N, C-alpha and C. Protein backbone atom coordinates (compact mmCIF):
# COMPACT_ATOMS: atom_id res chain seq x y z
N MET A 1 -29.43 79.71 -33.27
CA MET A 1 -29.24 78.76 -32.14
C MET A 1 -27.85 78.14 -32.21
N ARG A 2 -27.39 77.77 -31.12
CA ARG A 2 -26.08 77.18 -31.02
C ARG A 2 -26.13 75.69 -31.31
N ASN A 3 -25.20 75.25 -32.13
CA ASN A 3 -25.18 73.82 -32.45
C ASN A 3 -24.74 73.03 -31.23
N SER A 4 -25.62 72.19 -30.75
CA SER A 4 -25.30 71.43 -29.52
C SER A 4 -24.18 70.45 -29.74
N SER A 5 -23.92 70.07 -31.00
CA SER A 5 -22.86 69.09 -31.26
C SER A 5 -21.49 69.66 -30.97
N LEU A 6 -21.38 71.01 -30.98
CA LEU A 6 -20.09 71.61 -30.68
C LEU A 6 -19.66 71.36 -29.25
N GLY A 7 -20.63 71.18 -28.40
CA GLY A 7 -20.29 70.95 -26.98
C GLY A 7 -19.99 69.50 -26.66
N ARG A 8 -20.09 68.65 -27.65
CA ARG A 8 -19.83 67.23 -27.39
C ARG A 8 -18.40 66.87 -27.76
N ILE A 9 -17.79 66.02 -26.97
CA ILE A 9 -16.43 65.56 -27.25
C ILE A 9 -16.49 64.10 -27.66
N ASN A 10 -15.86 63.77 -28.72
CA ASN A 10 -15.90 62.41 -29.25
C ASN A 10 -14.67 61.64 -28.75
N PHE A 11 -14.90 60.58 -28.00
CA PHE A 11 -13.82 59.76 -27.44
C PHE A 11 -13.61 58.46 -28.23
N SER A 12 -14.17 58.40 -29.38
CA SER A 12 -14.10 57.16 -30.15
C SER A 12 -12.68 56.79 -30.53
N PHE A 13 -11.75 57.75 -30.53
CA PHE A 13 -10.37 57.43 -30.91
C PHE A 13 -9.64 56.66 -29.82
N LEU A 14 -10.21 56.68 -28.57
CA LEU A 14 -9.59 55.94 -27.47
C LEU A 14 -10.10 54.51 -27.50
N SER A 15 -9.22 53.53 -27.56
CA SER A 15 -9.65 52.12 -27.56
C SER A 15 -8.98 51.39 -26.41
N LEU A 16 -9.74 50.72 -25.61
CA LEU A 16 -9.23 49.96 -24.47
C LEU A 16 -8.65 48.64 -24.94
N PRO A 17 -7.52 48.21 -24.38
CA PRO A 17 -6.95 46.92 -24.78
C PRO A 17 -7.86 45.77 -24.38
N SER A 18 -7.80 44.69 -25.08
CA SER A 18 -8.63 43.52 -24.77
C SER A 18 -7.90 42.61 -23.78
N PHE A 19 -8.65 42.07 -22.82
CA PHE A 19 -8.09 41.18 -21.79
C PHE A 19 -8.70 39.79 -21.95
N PRO A 20 -7.95 38.77 -21.59
CA PRO A 20 -8.52 37.41 -21.68
C PRO A 20 -9.65 37.23 -20.69
N SER A 21 -10.59 36.39 -21.01
CA SER A 21 -11.73 36.16 -20.12
C SER A 21 -11.37 35.11 -19.07
N PHE A 22 -11.90 35.28 -17.86
CA PHE A 22 -11.66 34.36 -16.74
C PHE A 22 -12.96 33.71 -16.34
N PRO A 23 -12.89 32.52 -15.76
CA PRO A 23 -14.13 31.90 -15.27
C PRO A 23 -14.68 32.70 -14.11
N PRO A 24 -15.94 32.55 -13.81
CA PRO A 24 -16.54 33.27 -12.69
C PRO A 24 -15.79 32.96 -11.39
N THR A 25 -15.75 33.97 -10.51
CA THR A 25 -15.00 33.80 -9.26
C THR A 25 -15.57 32.67 -8.41
N SER A 26 -16.85 32.37 -8.56
CA SER A 26 -17.43 31.28 -7.78
C SER A 26 -16.73 29.96 -8.09
N HIS A 27 -16.36 29.75 -9.39
CA HIS A 27 -15.67 28.52 -9.76
C HIS A 27 -14.27 28.50 -9.18
N ILE A 28 -13.61 29.66 -9.18
CA ILE A 28 -12.25 29.72 -8.64
C ILE A 28 -12.26 29.37 -7.16
N SER A 29 -13.18 29.97 -6.43
CA SER A 29 -13.21 29.72 -4.99
C SER A 29 -13.53 28.27 -4.69
N ARG A 30 -14.36 27.65 -5.54
CA ARG A 30 -14.71 26.27 -5.30
C ARG A 30 -13.52 25.34 -5.50
N ARG A 31 -12.76 25.61 -6.54
CA ARG A 31 -11.68 24.71 -6.90
C ARG A 31 -10.40 24.98 -6.13
N MET A 32 -10.14 26.28 -5.85
CA MET A 32 -8.82 26.64 -5.31
C MET A 32 -8.85 26.94 -3.81
N LEU A 33 -9.95 27.41 -3.31
CA LEU A 33 -9.98 27.85 -1.92
C LEU A 33 -10.59 26.82 -0.98
N THR A 34 -11.38 25.90 -1.51
CA THR A 34 -12.02 24.91 -0.67
C THR A 34 -11.18 23.65 -0.61
N PRO A 35 -10.91 23.07 0.61
CA PRO A 35 -10.10 21.84 0.69
C PRO A 35 -10.79 20.71 -0.04
N THR A 36 -10.00 19.81 -0.58
CA THR A 36 -10.56 18.63 -1.23
C THR A 36 -11.17 17.71 -0.19
N ASN A 37 -11.97 16.74 -0.67
CA ASN A 37 -12.60 15.80 0.25
C ASN A 37 -11.56 15.03 1.05
N SER A 38 -10.46 14.62 0.36
CA SER A 38 -9.44 13.83 1.05
C SER A 38 -8.75 14.63 2.14
N SER A 39 -8.47 15.92 1.86
CA SER A 39 -7.81 16.73 2.90
C SER A 39 -8.77 16.99 4.06
N ARG A 40 -10.06 17.16 3.73
CA ARG A 40 -11.05 17.34 4.80
C ARG A 40 -11.10 16.10 5.69
N ARG A 41 -11.08 14.92 5.05
CA ARG A 41 -11.09 13.68 5.83
C ARG A 41 -9.85 13.57 6.69
N GLY A 42 -8.69 13.98 6.13
CA GLY A 42 -7.45 13.92 6.90
C GLY A 42 -7.51 14.83 8.11
N LEU A 43 -8.02 16.05 7.92
CA LEU A 43 -8.13 16.98 9.04
C LEU A 43 -9.08 16.44 10.09
N LEU A 44 -10.20 15.85 9.63
CA LEU A 44 -11.17 15.29 10.57
C LEU A 44 -10.58 14.15 11.36
N ARG A 45 -9.86 13.24 10.65
CA ARG A 45 -9.23 12.12 11.35
C ARG A 45 -8.21 12.61 12.37
N SER A 46 -7.45 13.61 11.99
CA SER A 46 -6.44 14.16 12.91
C SER A 46 -7.09 14.75 14.14
N ALA A 47 -8.15 15.54 13.92
CA ALA A 47 -8.84 16.17 15.04
C ALA A 47 -9.49 15.13 15.94
N LEU A 48 -10.16 14.15 15.32
CA LEU A 48 -10.81 13.09 16.11
C LEU A 48 -9.78 12.25 16.85
N GLY A 49 -8.64 11.98 16.19
CA GLY A 49 -7.60 11.18 16.83
C GLY A 49 -7.07 11.86 18.08
N ASP A 50 -6.80 13.17 17.98
CA ASP A 50 -6.30 13.91 19.14
C ASP A 50 -7.35 13.93 20.25
N TRP A 51 -8.61 14.14 19.85
CA TRP A 51 -9.68 14.21 20.84
C TRP A 51 -9.87 12.87 21.53
N LEU A 52 -9.88 11.78 20.75
CA LEU A 52 -10.05 10.46 21.33
C LEU A 52 -8.89 10.09 22.25
N GLU A 53 -7.68 10.50 21.86
CA GLU A 53 -6.52 10.21 22.69
C GLU A 53 -6.63 10.91 24.04
N ARG A 54 -7.05 12.16 24.01
CA ARG A 54 -7.24 12.89 25.28
C ARG A 54 -8.35 12.26 26.11
N LEU A 55 -9.45 11.88 25.43
CA LEU A 55 -10.57 11.27 26.14
C LEU A 55 -10.16 9.96 26.78
N MET A 56 -9.41 9.12 26.05
CA MET A 56 -8.95 7.85 26.58
C MET A 56 -8.04 8.05 27.80
N ALA A 57 -7.16 9.04 27.70
CA ALA A 57 -6.24 9.31 28.82
C ALA A 57 -7.00 9.75 30.05
N GLN A 58 -8.01 10.63 29.86
CA GLN A 58 -8.80 11.11 30.99
C GLN A 58 -9.63 9.98 31.59
N THR A 59 -10.21 9.14 30.71
CA THR A 59 -11.00 8.01 31.19
C THR A 59 -10.13 7.02 31.97
N GLU A 60 -8.94 6.76 31.43
CA GLU A 60 -8.03 5.82 32.07
C GLU A 60 -7.63 6.31 33.46
N GLU A 61 -7.41 7.60 33.61
CA GLU A 61 -7.05 8.15 34.91
C GLU A 61 -8.14 7.90 35.94
N ARG A 62 -9.41 7.97 35.48
CA ARG A 62 -10.52 7.77 36.42
C ARG A 62 -10.79 6.29 36.70
N VAL A 63 -10.60 5.45 35.68
CA VAL A 63 -10.98 4.04 35.79
C VAL A 63 -9.87 3.17 36.38
N VAL A 64 -8.63 3.41 35.95
CA VAL A 64 -7.52 2.55 36.35
C VAL A 64 -6.93 3.04 37.66
N THR A 65 -7.16 2.29 38.71
CA THR A 65 -6.71 2.71 40.04
C THR A 65 -5.33 2.17 40.39
N ARG A 66 -4.90 1.11 39.69
CA ARG A 66 -3.56 0.56 39.92
C ARG A 66 -2.97 0.08 38.61
N ARG A 67 -1.68 0.33 38.45
CA ARG A 67 -0.99 -0.09 37.23
C ARG A 67 -0.36 -1.47 37.42
N TYR A 68 -0.59 -2.33 36.44
CA TYR A 68 0.00 -3.68 36.45
C TYR A 68 0.95 -3.83 35.27
N VAL A 69 1.98 -4.65 35.45
CA VAL A 69 2.85 -4.99 34.34
C VAL A 69 2.16 -6.12 33.57
N ARG A 70 1.73 -5.83 32.39
CA ARG A 70 0.98 -6.81 31.59
C ARG A 70 1.94 -7.71 30.80
N PRO A 71 1.46 -8.85 30.36
CA PRO A 71 2.30 -9.73 29.53
C PRO A 71 2.72 -9.01 28.25
N PRO A 72 3.78 -9.49 27.60
CA PRO A 72 4.22 -8.84 26.36
C PRO A 72 3.13 -8.88 25.29
N GLY A 73 3.06 -7.79 24.53
CA GLY A 73 2.07 -7.70 23.46
C GLY A 73 0.71 -7.23 23.90
N ALA A 74 0.61 -6.70 25.15
CA ALA A 74 -0.69 -6.27 25.66
C ALA A 74 -1.13 -4.95 25.05
N LEU A 75 -2.43 -4.81 24.87
CA LEU A 75 -3.02 -3.54 24.45
C LEU A 75 -2.81 -2.49 25.55
N PRO A 76 -2.97 -1.20 25.23
CA PRO A 76 -3.03 -0.20 26.29
C PRO A 76 -4.10 -0.57 27.31
N GLU A 77 -3.93 -0.13 28.54
CA GLU A 77 -4.70 -0.67 29.66
C GLU A 77 -6.21 -0.72 29.46
N LEU A 78 -6.82 0.37 29.00
CA LEU A 78 -8.28 0.35 28.83
C LEU A 78 -8.70 -0.68 27.79
N GLY A 79 -7.99 -0.72 26.69
CA GLY A 79 -8.29 -1.71 25.66
C GLY A 79 -8.06 -3.12 26.15
N PHE A 80 -7.02 -3.30 26.95
CA PHE A 80 -6.71 -4.62 27.49
C PHE A 80 -7.83 -5.09 28.43
N LEU A 81 -8.29 -4.20 29.30
CA LEU A 81 -9.36 -4.56 30.24
C LEU A 81 -10.64 -4.94 29.50
N ALA A 82 -10.90 -4.26 28.38
CA ALA A 82 -12.11 -4.54 27.61
C ALA A 82 -11.99 -5.83 26.80
N ALA A 83 -10.78 -6.11 26.27
CA ALA A 83 -10.61 -7.26 25.37
C ALA A 83 -10.35 -8.57 26.11
N CYS A 84 -9.72 -8.50 27.27
CA CYS A 84 -9.36 -9.72 28.00
C CYS A 84 -10.61 -10.41 28.55
N THR A 85 -10.74 -11.72 28.30
CA THR A 85 -11.90 -12.48 28.77
C THR A 85 -11.66 -13.17 30.12
N ARG A 86 -10.47 -12.98 30.67
CA ARG A 86 -10.09 -13.60 31.97
C ARG A 86 -10.10 -15.12 31.87
N CYS A 87 -9.74 -15.65 30.70
CA CYS A 87 -9.79 -17.10 30.49
C CYS A 87 -8.63 -17.83 31.17
N GLY A 88 -7.52 -17.13 31.38
CA GLY A 88 -6.38 -17.75 32.06
C GLY A 88 -5.46 -18.54 31.16
N ALA A 89 -5.71 -18.53 29.84
CA ALA A 89 -4.88 -19.32 28.93
C ALA A 89 -3.42 -18.86 28.95
N CYS A 90 -3.20 -17.57 29.02
CA CYS A 90 -1.83 -17.05 29.03
C CYS A 90 -1.10 -17.44 30.31
N ILE A 91 -1.82 -17.46 31.42
CA ILE A 91 -1.22 -17.83 32.71
C ILE A 91 -0.76 -19.28 32.68
N GLU A 92 -1.59 -20.15 32.10
CA GLU A 92 -1.23 -21.57 32.01
C GLU A 92 -0.07 -21.79 31.04
N ALA A 93 0.05 -20.94 30.02
CA ALA A 93 1.08 -21.12 29.00
C ALA A 93 2.45 -20.60 29.42
N CYS A 94 2.52 -19.82 30.48
CA CYS A 94 3.79 -19.19 30.88
C CYS A 94 4.76 -20.22 31.46
N PRO A 95 5.90 -20.49 30.81
CA PRO A 95 6.83 -21.53 31.27
C PRO A 95 7.35 -21.35 32.71
N PRO A 96 7.75 -20.12 33.10
CA PRO A 96 8.27 -19.99 34.47
C PRO A 96 7.18 -19.69 35.51
N ASP A 97 5.91 -19.77 35.10
CA ASP A 97 4.80 -19.41 36.02
C ASP A 97 4.97 -18.01 36.57
N ALA A 98 5.36 -17.08 35.70
CA ALA A 98 5.56 -15.70 36.13
C ALA A 98 4.27 -14.89 36.10
N LEU A 99 3.25 -15.41 35.40
CA LEU A 99 1.98 -14.69 35.31
C LEU A 99 1.02 -15.13 36.41
N ALA A 100 0.27 -14.17 36.91
CA ALA A 100 -0.77 -14.45 37.91
C ALA A 100 -2.00 -13.63 37.55
N ALA A 101 -3.13 -13.99 38.16
CA ALA A 101 -4.37 -13.25 37.93
C ALA A 101 -4.56 -12.21 39.03
N VAL A 102 -5.01 -11.04 38.64
CA VAL A 102 -5.31 -9.99 39.62
C VAL A 102 -6.40 -10.50 40.55
N PRO A 103 -6.23 -10.36 41.87
CA PRO A 103 -7.22 -10.86 42.83
C PRO A 103 -8.61 -10.26 42.63
N THR A 104 -9.59 -10.87 43.25
CA THR A 104 -10.99 -10.46 43.08
C THR A 104 -11.27 -9.06 43.59
N ASP A 105 -10.40 -8.55 44.45
CA ASP A 105 -10.62 -7.19 44.95
C ASP A 105 -9.94 -6.15 44.05
N GLY A 106 -9.55 -6.56 42.86
CA GLY A 106 -8.84 -5.68 41.93
C GLY A 106 -9.72 -4.82 41.05
N GLY A 107 -11.03 -4.76 41.37
CA GLY A 107 -11.93 -3.92 40.59
C GLY A 107 -12.08 -4.42 39.17
N LEU A 108 -12.02 -3.50 38.20
CA LEU A 108 -12.19 -3.88 36.80
C LEU A 108 -11.08 -4.80 36.31
N ALA A 109 -9.93 -4.75 36.98
CA ALA A 109 -8.79 -5.57 36.56
C ALA A 109 -8.84 -6.99 37.10
N ALA A 110 -9.78 -7.29 37.99
CA ALA A 110 -9.85 -8.61 38.62
C ALA A 110 -9.88 -9.72 37.57
N GLY A 111 -9.02 -10.74 37.77
CA GLY A 111 -8.98 -11.89 36.87
C GLY A 111 -8.06 -11.72 35.67
N THR A 112 -7.56 -10.51 35.44
CA THR A 112 -6.67 -10.29 34.29
C THR A 112 -5.23 -10.67 34.65
N PRO A 113 -4.43 -11.08 33.67
CA PRO A 113 -3.07 -11.53 33.95
C PRO A 113 -2.12 -10.35 34.16
N TYR A 114 -1.15 -10.55 35.03
CA TYR A 114 -0.12 -9.54 35.23
C TYR A 114 1.18 -10.22 35.64
N LEU A 115 2.28 -9.49 35.49
CA LEU A 115 3.60 -9.96 35.89
C LEU A 115 4.03 -9.23 37.15
N ASP A 116 4.40 -9.99 38.16
CA ASP A 116 5.02 -9.41 39.34
C ASP A 116 6.50 -9.74 39.25
N LEU A 117 7.24 -8.90 38.53
CA LEU A 117 8.63 -9.21 38.21
C LEU A 117 9.55 -9.20 39.42
N MET A 118 9.10 -8.62 40.51
CA MET A 118 9.92 -8.63 41.72
C MET A 118 9.76 -9.96 42.47
N THR A 119 8.70 -10.70 42.15
CA THR A 119 8.49 -12.01 42.77
C THR A 119 9.02 -13.13 41.87
N GLU A 120 8.70 -13.04 40.58
CA GLU A 120 9.13 -14.05 39.61
C GLU A 120 9.44 -13.36 38.29
N ALA A 121 10.63 -13.58 37.77
CA ALA A 121 11.04 -12.91 36.53
C ALA A 121 10.38 -13.55 35.31
N CYS A 122 10.14 -12.73 34.31
CA CYS A 122 9.79 -13.22 32.97
C CYS A 122 11.09 -13.66 32.31
N VAL A 123 11.10 -14.80 31.64
CA VAL A 123 12.34 -15.29 31.05
C VAL A 123 12.46 -14.90 29.57
N ALA A 124 11.59 -14.02 29.12
CA ALA A 124 11.65 -13.49 27.74
C ALA A 124 11.69 -14.61 26.70
N CYS A 125 10.71 -15.50 26.76
CA CYS A 125 10.62 -16.60 25.79
C CYS A 125 10.61 -16.03 24.37
N SER A 126 11.38 -16.60 23.50
CA SER A 126 11.48 -16.07 22.14
C SER A 126 10.16 -16.17 21.38
N THR A 127 9.34 -17.18 21.72
CA THR A 127 8.07 -17.38 21.01
C THR A 127 6.88 -16.69 21.69
N MET A 128 7.11 -16.11 22.86
CA MET A 128 6.04 -15.44 23.61
C MET A 128 4.76 -16.28 23.66
N PRO A 129 4.81 -17.46 24.29
CA PRO A 129 3.62 -18.33 24.31
C PRO A 129 2.40 -17.68 24.95
N CYS A 130 2.61 -16.79 25.90
CA CYS A 130 1.46 -16.14 26.54
C CYS A 130 0.65 -15.34 25.53
N ALA A 131 1.35 -14.62 24.63
CA ALA A 131 0.65 -13.85 23.60
C ALA A 131 0.10 -14.75 22.51
N THR A 132 0.82 -15.83 22.21
CA THR A 132 0.41 -16.74 21.13
C THR A 132 -0.92 -17.42 21.42
N VAL A 133 -1.14 -17.80 22.69
CA VAL A 133 -2.36 -18.56 23.01
C VAL A 133 -3.57 -17.67 23.28
N CYS A 134 -3.36 -16.37 23.38
CA CYS A 134 -4.48 -15.48 23.70
C CYS A 134 -5.53 -15.52 22.59
N PRO A 135 -6.80 -15.81 22.92
CA PRO A 135 -7.83 -15.92 21.89
C PRO A 135 -8.44 -14.58 21.47
N THR A 136 -8.00 -13.51 22.07
CA THR A 136 -8.55 -12.19 21.77
C THR A 136 -7.41 -11.24 21.40
N PRO A 137 -7.72 -10.03 20.97
CA PRO A 137 -6.66 -9.04 20.67
C PRO A 137 -6.01 -8.45 21.93
N ALA A 138 -6.40 -8.91 23.11
CA ALA A 138 -5.80 -8.37 24.34
C ALA A 138 -4.29 -8.54 24.33
N LEU A 139 -3.82 -9.70 23.84
CA LEU A 139 -2.39 -9.97 23.69
C LEU A 139 -2.12 -10.38 22.25
N THR A 140 -1.19 -9.71 21.62
CA THR A 140 -0.78 -10.08 20.26
C THR A 140 0.74 -10.02 20.17
N LEU A 141 1.30 -10.85 19.34
CA LEU A 141 2.75 -10.86 19.17
C LEU A 141 3.22 -9.53 18.58
N PRO A 142 4.14 -8.84 19.24
CA PRO A 142 4.69 -7.61 18.65
C PRO A 142 5.35 -7.92 17.31
N GLU A 143 5.23 -7.02 16.36
CA GLU A 143 5.76 -7.26 15.02
C GLU A 143 7.25 -7.59 15.02
N GLN A 144 8.00 -6.92 15.89
CA GLN A 144 9.45 -7.13 15.95
C GLN A 144 9.87 -8.05 17.10
N GLY A 145 8.89 -8.76 17.68
CA GLY A 145 9.22 -9.63 18.81
C GLY A 145 9.72 -8.80 19.98
N TRP A 146 10.79 -9.28 20.60
CA TRP A 146 11.35 -8.56 21.75
C TRP A 146 12.18 -7.35 21.34
N SER A 147 12.50 -7.25 20.08
CA SER A 147 13.33 -6.14 19.62
C SER A 147 12.62 -4.81 19.86
N GLY A 148 13.19 -4.00 20.72
CA GLY A 148 12.60 -2.70 21.02
C GLY A 148 11.47 -2.75 22.04
N TYR A 149 11.11 -3.95 22.52
CA TYR A 149 10.01 -4.07 23.48
C TYR A 149 10.57 -4.00 24.90
N ARG A 150 9.84 -3.35 25.80
CA ARG A 150 10.30 -3.21 27.18
C ARG A 150 9.18 -3.51 28.17
N LEU A 151 9.47 -4.41 29.10
CA LEU A 151 8.56 -4.62 30.22
C LEU A 151 8.88 -3.63 31.33
N GLY A 152 10.13 -3.30 31.44
CA GLY A 152 10.58 -2.37 32.47
C GLY A 152 11.93 -1.79 32.10
N THR A 153 12.40 -0.88 32.92
CA THR A 153 13.69 -0.24 32.68
C THR A 153 14.64 -0.62 33.81
N LEU A 154 15.81 -1.11 33.44
CA LEU A 154 16.78 -1.63 34.40
C LEU A 154 17.86 -0.60 34.72
N GLU A 155 18.29 -0.60 35.97
CA GLU A 155 19.38 0.28 36.40
C GLU A 155 20.36 -0.52 37.24
N LEU A 156 21.64 -0.32 37.00
CA LEU A 156 22.70 -0.99 37.76
C LEU A 156 23.22 -0.05 38.84
N HIS A 157 23.34 -0.60 40.08
CA HIS A 157 23.91 0.15 41.20
C HIS A 157 25.31 -0.41 41.49
N PRO A 158 26.35 0.23 40.96
CA PRO A 158 27.71 -0.31 41.12
C PRO A 158 28.14 -0.47 42.57
N GLU A 159 27.66 0.42 43.45
CA GLU A 159 28.09 0.35 44.85
C GLU A 159 27.64 -0.93 45.54
N ARG A 160 26.67 -1.63 44.99
CA ARG A 160 26.22 -2.89 45.57
C ARG A 160 26.90 -4.09 44.92
N CYS A 161 27.37 -3.92 43.70
CA CYS A 161 27.89 -5.03 42.89
C CYS A 161 29.22 -5.56 43.44
N LEU A 162 29.31 -6.88 43.55
CA LEU A 162 30.51 -7.53 44.09
C LEU A 162 31.75 -7.23 43.27
N THR A 163 31.57 -7.10 41.95
CA THR A 163 32.74 -6.90 41.09
C THR A 163 33.42 -5.56 41.34
N PHE A 164 32.68 -4.61 41.85
CA PHE A 164 33.26 -3.30 42.16
C PHE A 164 33.91 -3.30 43.55
N GLN A 165 33.80 -4.45 44.23
CA GLN A 165 34.45 -4.59 45.54
C GLN A 165 35.59 -5.61 45.49
N GLY A 166 35.98 -5.95 44.27
CA GLY A 166 37.13 -6.84 44.09
C GLY A 166 36.81 -8.32 44.01
N THR A 167 35.52 -8.68 44.01
CA THR A 167 35.12 -10.09 43.92
C THR A 167 34.62 -10.41 42.52
N SER A 168 35.14 -11.48 41.96
CA SER A 168 34.72 -11.86 40.61
C SER A 168 33.30 -12.45 40.64
N CYS A 169 32.46 -12.01 39.71
CA CYS A 169 31.08 -12.52 39.62
C CYS A 169 30.54 -12.22 38.24
N ARG A 170 29.81 -13.17 37.68
CA ARG A 170 29.15 -12.95 36.39
C ARG A 170 27.78 -13.64 36.36
N MET A 171 27.18 -13.79 37.52
CA MET A 171 25.90 -14.49 37.60
C MET A 171 24.81 -13.79 36.79
N CYS A 172 24.79 -12.47 36.81
CA CYS A 172 23.76 -11.74 36.07
C CYS A 172 23.92 -11.93 34.57
N VAL A 173 25.17 -11.86 34.11
CA VAL A 173 25.46 -12.00 32.68
C VAL A 173 25.11 -13.39 32.18
N ASP A 174 25.45 -14.41 32.96
CA ASP A 174 25.18 -15.79 32.55
C ASP A 174 23.68 -16.09 32.54
N ALA A 175 22.92 -15.39 33.39
CA ALA A 175 21.48 -15.67 33.49
C ALA A 175 20.65 -14.91 32.46
N CYS A 176 21.17 -13.81 31.93
CA CYS A 176 20.38 -12.93 31.06
C CYS A 176 19.90 -13.66 29.80
N PRO A 177 18.59 -13.73 29.56
CA PRO A 177 18.07 -14.43 28.38
C PRO A 177 18.34 -13.71 27.07
N MET A 178 18.69 -12.43 27.14
CA MET A 178 18.96 -11.66 25.93
C MET A 178 20.44 -11.67 25.56
N GLY A 179 21.27 -12.27 26.43
CA GLY A 179 22.69 -12.41 26.14
C GLY A 179 23.43 -11.09 26.08
N GLY A 180 24.48 -11.06 25.28
CA GLY A 180 25.33 -9.89 25.19
C GLY A 180 24.65 -8.64 24.65
N ALA A 181 23.50 -8.81 24.02
CA ALA A 181 22.78 -7.64 23.51
C ALA A 181 22.28 -6.75 24.65
N ALA A 182 22.11 -7.36 25.83
CA ALA A 182 21.58 -6.61 26.98
C ALA A 182 22.59 -6.43 28.10
N LEU A 183 23.44 -7.43 28.29
CA LEU A 183 24.34 -7.40 29.45
C LEU A 183 25.66 -8.06 29.10
N GLY A 184 26.76 -7.36 29.39
CA GLY A 184 28.08 -7.91 29.10
C GLY A 184 29.03 -7.65 30.25
N ILE A 185 30.28 -8.04 30.07
CA ILE A 185 31.33 -7.83 31.07
C ILE A 185 32.47 -7.05 30.41
N ASP A 186 32.91 -5.98 31.08
CA ASP A 186 34.02 -5.21 30.50
C ASP A 186 35.37 -5.83 30.88
N GLN A 187 36.45 -5.21 30.46
CA GLN A 187 37.78 -5.76 30.70
C GLN A 187 38.15 -5.80 32.18
N ALA A 188 37.49 -4.96 32.96
CA ALA A 188 37.76 -4.95 34.40
C ALA A 188 36.92 -5.98 35.15
N GLY A 189 36.04 -6.68 34.42
CA GLY A 189 35.20 -7.69 35.05
C GLY A 189 33.89 -7.16 35.60
N HIS A 190 33.55 -5.91 35.25
CA HIS A 190 32.30 -5.31 35.73
C HIS A 190 31.17 -5.54 34.72
N PRO A 191 29.94 -5.72 35.21
CA PRO A 191 28.82 -5.85 34.27
C PRO A 191 28.56 -4.54 33.54
N VAL A 192 28.23 -4.66 32.25
CA VAL A 192 27.92 -3.50 31.43
C VAL A 192 26.50 -3.66 30.91
N LEU A 193 25.64 -2.74 31.31
CA LEU A 193 24.23 -2.79 30.91
C LEU A 193 24.05 -2.08 29.57
N ARG A 194 23.43 -2.78 28.63
CA ARG A 194 23.15 -2.20 27.32
C ARG A 194 21.64 -2.02 27.18
N HIS A 195 21.21 -0.80 27.41
CA HIS A 195 19.77 -0.52 27.48
C HIS A 195 19.04 -0.83 26.18
N GLU A 196 19.73 -0.66 25.04
CA GLU A 196 19.06 -0.88 23.76
C GLU A 196 18.65 -2.33 23.56
N GLY A 197 19.32 -3.26 24.25
CA GLY A 197 18.98 -4.68 24.10
C GLY A 197 18.26 -5.27 25.29
N CYS A 198 18.14 -4.49 26.37
CA CYS A 198 17.50 -4.98 27.60
C CYS A 198 15.98 -4.87 27.48
N VAL A 199 15.27 -5.95 27.84
CA VAL A 199 13.80 -5.93 27.77
C VAL A 199 13.16 -5.72 29.14
N GLY A 200 13.98 -5.64 30.19
CA GLY A 200 13.43 -5.42 31.53
C GLY A 200 12.69 -6.61 32.08
N CYS A 201 13.19 -7.81 31.81
CA CYS A 201 12.49 -9.03 32.24
C CYS A 201 12.65 -9.33 33.73
N GLY A 202 13.75 -8.84 34.32
CA GLY A 202 13.96 -9.04 35.75
C GLY A 202 14.80 -10.25 36.11
N VAL A 203 15.30 -11.01 35.13
CA VAL A 203 16.08 -12.22 35.42
C VAL A 203 17.35 -11.87 36.20
N CYS A 204 18.05 -10.83 35.77
CA CYS A 204 19.30 -10.46 36.44
C CYS A 204 19.05 -9.96 37.86
N VAL A 205 17.90 -9.34 38.07
CA VAL A 205 17.55 -8.85 39.42
C VAL A 205 17.52 -10.02 40.39
N HIS A 206 16.94 -11.13 39.95
CA HIS A 206 16.83 -12.32 40.81
C HIS A 206 18.13 -13.11 40.86
N ALA A 207 18.90 -13.08 39.77
CA ALA A 207 20.16 -13.85 39.73
C ALA A 207 21.25 -13.21 40.57
N CYS A 208 21.18 -11.91 40.75
CA CYS A 208 22.23 -11.18 41.49
C CYS A 208 22.30 -11.67 42.94
N PRO A 209 23.51 -12.00 43.44
CA PRO A 209 23.64 -12.55 44.80
C PRO A 209 23.62 -11.50 45.92
N THR A 210 23.63 -10.22 45.57
CA THR A 210 23.68 -9.21 46.63
C THR A 210 22.28 -8.91 47.17
N THR A 211 22.25 -8.41 48.40
CA THR A 211 20.98 -8.01 49.02
C THR A 211 21.11 -6.58 49.55
N PRO A 212 20.34 -5.61 49.02
CA PRO A 212 19.41 -5.79 47.90
C PRO A 212 20.17 -6.02 46.59
N SER A 213 19.42 -6.42 45.59
CA SER A 213 20.03 -6.71 44.29
C SER A 213 20.76 -5.48 43.75
N SER A 214 21.82 -5.73 43.01
CA SER A 214 22.56 -4.63 42.38
C SER A 214 21.80 -4.02 41.20
N PHE A 215 20.72 -4.66 40.83
CA PHE A 215 19.89 -4.14 39.73
C PHE A 215 18.53 -3.70 40.28
N ALA A 216 18.04 -2.59 39.76
CA ALA A 216 16.71 -2.09 40.14
C ALA A 216 15.88 -1.97 38.87
N LEU A 217 14.62 -2.34 38.99
CA LEU A 217 13.73 -2.37 37.84
C LEU A 217 12.57 -1.41 38.07
N THR A 218 12.34 -0.53 37.13
CA THR A 218 11.14 0.29 37.16
C THR A 218 10.28 -0.11 35.95
N PHE A 219 8.99 0.10 36.08
CA PHE A 219 8.10 -0.53 35.10
C PHE A 219 7.61 0.45 34.05
N THR A 220 7.40 -0.11 32.88
CA THR A 220 7.08 0.66 31.69
C THR A 220 5.60 0.53 31.38
N GLU A 221 4.97 1.70 31.02
CA GLU A 221 3.57 1.67 30.59
C GLU A 221 3.52 1.60 29.08
N HIS A 222 2.65 0.71 28.53
CA HIS A 222 2.54 0.59 27.08
C HIS A 222 1.23 1.21 26.62
């Protein structure tokens, strides 16, 4: 008989190198591939924030039928309408009586304070008494005060201005409550508008002796 061992090949001389051991892949995926709790919370907050912002904008479009210029430090319109108690404290505190209440036919805005800057200018009180007396978060003092705050955006129309027609005038500059930071006079005697310091209060619009005023005011949404 044939020795069956002759047909066998012995591979014992081959030895495989040894490799370091690794933790199970389940542990790796848990630690390395799954976001941490904090990052998950951050992603959730970001997603919810974007969604809520879109929802608020859509709701505001449906609910707010007219835009009003609110006193300084006002919340965004929907928040302002919800927080304002219509107490009238800010209206009474306004030194130039520039604030008025929205009439009763104003829908959800009825009774809330607003500025009609084309009728009466805000004088940009440094202490913002209207915001100071508000008993709710509807009006709060801006952290930087008037710095960087805008009620409206001002534009100068040189073709109407007396100084561009050879007549000396500085009524707008003398009336501006923000001083040279917002409005100055150049060497030629013309008014120079400095947008970075202008708060859009409307004082110069009313002080200007031309008809229509040499200044035009458009209103800012906060």
